Amino acid sequence: MSEIPPHLSYTRDHEWLLDGVVGITAFAASSLGDIVYVQLPDVGAAVTAGVPCGEIESTKSVSDLVAPAGGVVVEVNPLLAAEPGLVNEDPYGRGWLFRLSVAGTPDLLDATAYAALVG
């Protein structure tokens, strides 16, 4: 099974959240295959938990990027425009996607519940 860092919160759609930083899990990155393009929400855009806010394109498919929490996008990862493969190489580090000013309390899974989900 893919690495599941215990300090992150997770969605059923395979995104993670920590202190407003959003990414996709190693499980998702592996399932997608080689990521070739990432369409992220614009800085200043309001996103809604559970609603698509971007896309991740791989050599296999195009998948929706679903917001793990509601809020306003305050930063996007500038490295991904030139190096979208960072999402595959380091999904919990340099491959983060965007940062949110989180509104409310997101309904997320802890690492144990996420591990049970991906089994």
N, C-alpha and C. Protein backbone atom coordinates (compact mmCIF):
# COMPACT_ATOMS: atom_id res chain seq x y z
N MET A 1 0.84 -1.18 0.00
CA MET A 1 0.00 0.00 0.00
C MET A 1 0.89 1.24 0.00
N SER A 2 0.37 2.30 -0.59
CA SER A 2 1.08 3.57 -0.64
C SER A 2 1.25 4.15 0.76
N GLU A 3 2.24 4.98 0.88
CA GLU A 3 2.49 5.69 2.14
C GLU A 3 1.28 6.56 2.50
N ILE A 4 0.89 6.54 3.77
CA ILE A 4 -0.21 7.37 4.27
C ILE A 4 0.30 8.11 5.50
N PRO A 5 0.80 9.32 5.32
CA PRO A 5 1.32 10.07 6.47
C PRO A 5 0.25 10.27 7.55
N PRO A 6 0.57 9.98 8.80
CA PRO A 6 -0.42 10.03 9.87
C PRO A 6 -0.86 11.44 10.26
N HIS A 7 -0.09 12.47 9.92
CA HIS A 7 -0.40 13.83 10.36
C HIS A 7 -1.31 14.60 9.41
N LEU A 8 -1.72 13.99 8.31
CA LEU A 8 -2.58 14.66 7.33
C LEU A 8 -4.03 14.24 7.52
N SER A 9 -4.95 15.04 6.98
CA SER A 9 -6.36 14.68 6.88
C SER A 9 -6.65 14.37 5.42
N TYR A 10 -7.63 13.50 5.17
CA TYR A 10 -7.86 12.97 3.83
C TYR A 10 -9.33 13.04 3.43
N THR A 11 -9.57 13.05 2.11
CA THR A 11 -10.93 12.94 1.59
C THR A 11 -11.12 11.56 0.97
N ARG A 12 -12.36 11.21 0.74
CA ARG A 12 -12.66 9.96 0.04
C ARG A 12 -12.26 10.04 -1.43
N ASP A 13 -12.01 11.27 -1.92
CA ASP A 13 -11.59 11.48 -3.31
C ASP A 13 -10.07 11.50 -3.45
N HIS A 14 -9.35 11.16 -2.36
CA HIS A 14 -7.89 11.00 -2.37
C HIS A 14 -7.10 12.30 -2.39
N GLU A 15 -7.69 13.36 -1.83
CA GLU A 15 -6.93 14.58 -1.58
C GLU A 15 -6.52 14.59 -0.12
N TRP A 16 -5.47 15.37 0.19
CA TRP A 16 -5.07 15.54 1.58
C TRP A 16 -5.05 17.02 1.91
N LEU A 17 -5.12 17.33 3.21
CA LEU A 17 -5.14 18.71 3.69
C LEU A 17 -4.34 18.78 4.98
N LEU A 18 -3.50 19.81 5.08
CA LEU A 18 -2.76 20.10 6.30
C LEU A 18 -2.52 21.60 6.37
N ASP A 19 -3.07 22.24 7.38
CA ASP A 19 -2.88 23.68 7.58
C ASP A 19 -3.19 24.47 6.31
N GLY A 20 -4.23 24.08 5.59
CA GLY A 20 -4.65 24.78 4.39
C GLY A 20 -3.97 24.32 3.11
N VAL A 21 -2.90 23.54 3.22
CA VAL A 21 -2.20 23.05 2.03
C VAL A 21 -2.93 21.80 1.52
N VAL A 22 -3.15 21.77 0.20
CA VAL A 22 -3.91 20.70 -0.45
C VAL A 22 -3.01 19.95 -1.42
N GLY A 23 -3.16 18.64 -1.45
CA GLY A 23 -2.47 17.81 -2.44
C GLY A 23 -3.29 16.57 -2.70
N ILE A 24 -2.76 15.70 -3.56
CA ILE A 24 -3.40 14.40 -3.75
C ILE A 24 -2.50 13.35 -3.11
N THR A 25 -3.10 12.24 -2.76
CA THR A 25 -2.37 11.18 -2.07
C THR A 25 -1.47 10.41 -3.03
N ALA A 26 -0.52 9.70 -2.45
CA ALA A 26 0.34 8.83 -3.25
C ALA A 26 -0.49 7.76 -3.95
N PHE A 27 -1.55 7.29 -3.29
CA PHE A 27 -2.46 6.31 -3.90
C PHE A 27 -3.06 6.88 -5.18
N ALA A 28 -3.55 8.13 -5.11
CA ALA A 28 -4.15 8.78 -6.28
C ALA A 28 -3.11 9.00 -7.37
N ALA A 29 -1.94 9.50 -6.99
CA ALA A 29 -0.89 9.77 -7.97
C ALA A 29 -0.48 8.48 -8.69
N SER A 30 -0.36 7.40 -7.94
CA SER A 30 0.00 6.12 -8.52
C SER A 30 -1.10 5.60 -9.44
N SER A 31 -2.34 5.75 -9.02
CA SER A 31 -3.48 5.29 -9.82
C SER A 31 -3.61 6.06 -11.13
N LEU A 32 -3.29 7.37 -11.08
CA LEU A 32 -3.39 8.19 -12.28
C LEU A 32 -2.31 7.88 -13.30
N GLY A 33 -1.15 7.47 -12.84
CA GLY A 33 -0.02 7.28 -13.75
C GLY A 33 0.74 8.59 -13.89
N ASP A 34 1.51 8.71 -14.94
CA ASP A 34 2.37 9.89 -15.12
C ASP A 34 1.53 11.14 -15.35
N ILE A 35 1.63 12.08 -14.43
CA ILE A 35 0.87 13.32 -14.52
C ILE A 35 1.60 14.28 -15.45
N VAL A 36 0.86 14.80 -16.44
CA VAL A 36 1.47 15.65 -17.46
C VAL A 36 0.96 17.09 -17.42
N TYR A 37 -0.14 17.34 -16.71
CA TYR A 37 -0.69 18.70 -16.64
C TYR A 37 -1.59 18.81 -15.42
N VAL A 38 -1.52 19.95 -14.75
CA VAL A 38 -2.37 20.20 -13.59
C VAL A 38 -3.04 21.56 -13.78
N GLN A 39 -4.37 21.57 -13.76
CA GLN A 39 -5.13 22.82 -13.82
C GLN A 39 -5.62 23.12 -12.41
N LEU A 40 -5.08 24.18 -11.82
CA LEU A 40 -5.41 24.54 -10.44
C LEU A 40 -6.36 25.73 -10.42
N PRO A 41 -7.09 25.90 -9.31
CA PRO A 41 -7.94 27.08 -9.21
C PRO A 41 -7.06 28.33 -9.12
N ASP A 42 -7.63 29.46 -9.50
CA ASP A 42 -6.90 30.73 -9.45
C ASP A 42 -6.78 31.23 -8.02
N VAL A 43 -5.69 31.92 -7.74
CA VAL A 43 -5.55 32.60 -6.45
C VAL A 43 -6.72 33.58 -6.32
N GLY A 44 -7.35 33.57 -5.17
CA GLY A 44 -8.51 34.42 -4.93
C GLY A 44 -9.83 33.74 -5.20
N ALA A 45 -9.80 32.57 -5.84
CA ALA A 45 -11.03 31.84 -6.14
C ALA A 45 -11.58 31.20 -4.87
N ALA A 46 -12.89 31.25 -4.74
CA ALA A 46 -13.57 30.56 -3.65
C ALA A 46 -13.86 29.13 -4.11
N VAL A 47 -13.56 28.16 -3.25
CA VAL A 47 -13.84 26.76 -3.55
C VAL A 47 -14.78 26.21 -2.48
N THR A 48 -15.51 25.18 -2.86
CA THR A 48 -16.48 24.55 -1.97
C THR A 48 -16.07 23.10 -1.73
N ALA A 49 -16.10 22.69 -0.48
CA ALA A 49 -15.74 21.31 -0.13
C ALA A 49 -16.56 20.32 -0.94
N GLY A 50 -15.88 19.33 -1.52
CA GLY A 50 -16.54 18.28 -2.26
C GLY A 50 -16.88 18.62 -3.70
N VAL A 51 -16.51 19.82 -4.14
CA VAL A 51 -16.84 20.28 -5.49
C VAL A 51 -15.55 20.38 -6.31
N PRO A 52 -15.57 19.90 -7.56
CA PRO A 52 -14.36 20.02 -8.39
C PRO A 52 -13.90 21.47 -8.52
N CYS A 53 -12.58 21.67 -8.45
CA CYS A 53 -12.01 23.01 -8.56
C CYS A 53 -10.82 23.05 -9.51
N GLY A 54 -10.55 21.95 -10.19
CA GLY A 54 -9.45 21.87 -11.13
C GLY A 54 -9.41 20.49 -11.74
N GLU A 55 -8.33 20.23 -12.50
CA GLU A 55 -8.18 18.93 -13.15
C GLU A 55 -6.73 18.49 -13.09
N ILE A 56 -6.56 17.18 -13.09
CA ILE A 56 -5.24 16.58 -13.17
C ILE A 56 -5.25 15.65 -14.37
N GLU A 57 -4.35 15.93 -15.31
CA GLU A 57 -4.28 15.15 -16.54
C GLU A 57 -3.05 14.24 -16.48
N SER A 58 -3.29 12.98 -16.76
CA SER A 58 -2.18 12.02 -16.81
C SER A 58 -2.16 11.38 -18.18
N THR A 59 -1.18 10.51 -18.38
CA THR A 59 -1.12 9.80 -19.65
C THR A 59 -2.29 8.84 -19.80
N LYS A 60 -2.99 8.53 -18.70
CA LYS A 60 -4.12 7.60 -18.72
C LYS A 60 -5.47 8.30 -18.85
N SER A 61 -5.63 9.47 -18.16
CA SER A 61 -6.96 10.08 -18.08
C SER A 61 -6.88 11.52 -17.58
N VAL A 62 -8.04 12.14 -17.53
CA VAL A 62 -8.18 13.45 -16.90
C VAL A 62 -9.13 13.25 -15.72
N SER A 63 -8.70 13.70 -14.52
CA SER A 63 -9.50 13.53 -13.31
C SER A 63 -9.78 14.88 -12.68
N ASP A 64 -10.96 14.98 -12.08
CA ASP A 64 -11.30 16.19 -11.34
C ASP A 64 -10.45 16.30 -10.09
N LEU A 65 -10.07 17.51 -9.77
CA LEU A 65 -9.46 17.83 -8.49
C LEU A 65 -10.58 18.38 -7.62
N VAL A 66 -10.87 17.71 -6.52
CA VAL A 66 -12.00 18.07 -5.67
C VAL A 66 -11.48 18.79 -4.43
N ALA A 67 -12.08 19.91 -4.11
CA ALA A 67 -11.66 20.68 -2.93
C ALA A 67 -11.94 19.88 -1.66
N PRO A 68 -10.94 19.71 -0.80
CA PRO A 68 -11.16 18.97 0.45
C PRO A 68 -11.86 19.81 1.52
N ALA A 69 -11.88 21.12 1.31
CA ALA A 69 -12.50 22.04 2.26
C ALA A 69 -12.95 23.27 1.50
N GLY A 70 -13.86 24.00 2.10
CA GLY A 70 -14.27 25.26 1.51
C GLY A 70 -13.32 26.36 1.94
N GLY A 71 -13.24 27.40 1.13
CA GLY A 71 -12.39 28.53 1.47
C GLY A 71 -11.95 29.28 0.23
N VAL A 72 -10.91 30.08 0.41
CA VAL A 72 -10.38 30.90 -0.68
C VAL A 72 -8.95 30.47 -0.96
N VAL A 73 -8.63 30.31 -2.23
CA VAL A 73 -7.28 29.92 -2.64
C VAL A 73 -6.34 31.10 -2.43
N VAL A 74 -5.28 30.90 -1.65
CA VAL A 74 -4.33 31.98 -1.36
C VAL A 74 -2.99 31.78 -2.06
N GLU A 75 -2.74 30.58 -2.57
CA GLU A 75 -1.48 30.31 -3.26
C GLU A 75 -1.62 29.03 -4.07
N VAL A 76 -0.95 28.99 -5.21
CA VAL A 76 -0.85 27.74 -5.98
C VAL A 76 0.63 27.39 -6.08
N ASN A 77 0.91 26.12 -6.24
CA ASN A 77 2.29 25.67 -6.33
C ASN A 77 2.88 26.11 -7.67
N PRO A 78 3.82 27.06 -7.67
CA PRO A 78 4.35 27.58 -8.93
C PRO A 78 5.22 26.58 -9.68
N LEU A 79 5.70 25.54 -9.00
CA LEU A 79 6.57 24.56 -9.64
C LEU A 79 5.82 23.65 -10.61
N LEU A 80 4.52 23.49 -10.40
CA LEU A 80 3.78 22.50 -11.17
C LEU A 80 3.55 22.88 -12.63
N ALA A 81 3.59 24.17 -12.95
CA ALA A 81 3.40 24.57 -14.35
C ALA A 81 4.49 23.97 -15.22
N ALA A 82 5.71 23.99 -14.75
CA ALA A 82 6.83 23.44 -15.52
C ALA A 82 7.10 21.97 -15.21
N GLU A 83 6.73 21.53 -14.00
CA GLU A 83 7.04 20.17 -13.57
C GLU A 83 5.84 19.47 -12.94
N PRO A 84 4.78 19.18 -13.71
CA PRO A 84 3.61 18.52 -13.12
C PRO A 84 3.93 17.14 -12.55
N GLY A 85 5.00 16.51 -13.01
CA GLY A 85 5.40 15.20 -12.51
C GLY A 85 5.82 15.21 -11.05
N LEU A 86 6.03 16.40 -10.48
CA LEU A 86 6.34 16.48 -9.04
C LEU A 86 5.22 15.87 -8.21
N VAL A 87 3.99 15.92 -8.73
CA VAL A 87 2.87 15.32 -8.01
C VAL A 87 3.09 13.82 -7.86
N ASN A 88 3.65 13.17 -8.89
CA ASN A 88 3.96 11.74 -8.80
C ASN A 88 5.17 11.51 -7.90
N GLU A 89 6.20 12.31 -8.09
CA GLU A 89 7.47 12.10 -7.40
C GLU A 89 7.40 12.38 -5.90
N ASP A 90 6.66 13.41 -5.51
CA ASP A 90 6.65 13.85 -4.11
C ASP A 90 5.27 14.41 -3.75
N PRO A 91 4.21 13.55 -3.73
CA PRO A 91 2.86 14.05 -3.55
C PRO A 91 2.61 14.73 -2.19
N TYR A 92 3.41 14.40 -1.18
CA TYR A 92 3.21 15.00 0.15
C TYR A 92 4.22 16.11 0.43
N GLY A 93 5.04 16.45 -0.54
CA GLY A 93 6.06 17.48 -0.36
C GLY A 93 6.00 18.49 -1.48
N ARG A 94 7.00 18.46 -2.35
CA ARG A 94 7.11 19.45 -3.43
C ARG A 94 5.96 19.38 -4.42
N GLY A 95 5.19 18.30 -4.43
CA GLY A 95 4.07 18.14 -5.35
C GLY A 95 2.74 18.62 -4.80
N TRP A 96 2.76 19.43 -3.74
CA TRP A 96 1.50 19.99 -3.22
C TRP A 96 0.84 20.82 -4.32
N LEU A 97 -0.47 21.03 -4.22
CA LEU A 97 -1.21 21.69 -5.29
C LEU A 97 -1.51 23.16 -5.01
N PHE A 98 -2.24 23.42 -3.93
CA PHE A 98 -2.58 24.81 -3.60
C PHE A 98 -2.82 24.96 -2.12
N ARG A 99 -2.88 26.22 -1.68
CA ARG A 99 -3.10 26.53 -0.26
C ARG A 99 -4.41 27.31 -0.14
N LEU A 100 -5.19 26.93 0.85
CA LEU A 100 -6.49 27.54 1.11
C LEU A 100 -6.49 28.32 2.41
N SER A 101 -7.27 29.37 2.44
CA SER A 101 -7.70 29.96 3.69
C SER A 101 -9.01 29.23 4.01
N VAL A 102 -8.94 28.23 4.87
CA VAL A 102 -10.06 27.32 5.10
C VAL A 102 -11.18 28.01 5.87
N ALA A 103 -12.40 27.84 5.37
CA ALA A 103 -13.59 28.36 6.05
C ALA A 103 -14.33 27.18 6.66
N GLY A 104 -14.65 27.28 7.95
CA GLY A 104 -15.39 26.22 8.61
C GLY A 104 -14.50 25.04 8.98
N THR A 105 -15.14 23.96 9.37
CA THR A 105 -14.44 22.75 9.76
C THR A 105 -14.71 21.67 8.73
N PRO A 106 -13.69 21.29 7.96
CA PRO A 106 -13.91 20.28 6.92
C PRO A 106 -14.22 18.90 7.52
N ASP A 107 -15.01 18.13 6.81
CA ASP A 107 -15.36 16.77 7.21
C ASP A 107 -14.38 15.83 6.51
N LEU A 108 -13.29 15.50 7.20
CA LEU A 108 -12.22 14.72 6.59
C LEU A 108 -11.93 13.46 7.38
N LEU A 109 -11.19 12.55 6.75
CA LEU A 109 -10.80 11.29 7.37
C LEU A 109 -9.41 11.42 8.00
N ASP A 110 -9.18 10.71 9.10
CA ASP A 110 -7.81 10.62 9.61
C ASP A 110 -7.08 9.53 8.85
N ALA A 111 -5.80 9.37 9.10
CA ALA A 111 -4.97 8.41 8.36
C ALA A 111 -5.49 6.98 8.49
N THR A 112 -5.96 6.60 9.67
CA THR A 112 -6.46 5.25 9.87
C THR A 112 -7.70 4.98 9.03
N ALA A 113 -8.63 5.93 9.02
CA ALA A 113 -9.85 5.77 8.22
C ALA A 113 -9.54 5.77 6.73
N TYR A 114 -8.58 6.62 6.31
CA TYR A 114 -8.20 6.65 4.90
C TYR A 114 -7.53 5.33 4.50
N ALA A 115 -6.68 4.80 5.36
CA ALA A 115 -6.02 3.52 5.08
C ALA A 115 -7.05 2.41 4.90
N ALA A 116 -8.11 2.43 5.72
CA ALA A 116 -9.16 1.43 5.60
C ALA A 116 -9.91 1.61 4.26
N LEU A 117 -10.07 2.84 3.83
CA LEU A 117 -10.76 3.13 2.57
C LEU A 117 -10.00 2.58 1.36
N VAL A 118 -8.69 2.77 1.35
CA VAL A 118 -7.90 2.34 0.19
C VAL A 118 -7.38 0.91 0.33
N GLY A 119 -7.53 0.37 1.55
CA GLY A 119 -7.24 -1.01 1.86
C GLY A 119 -5.97 -1.55 1.36
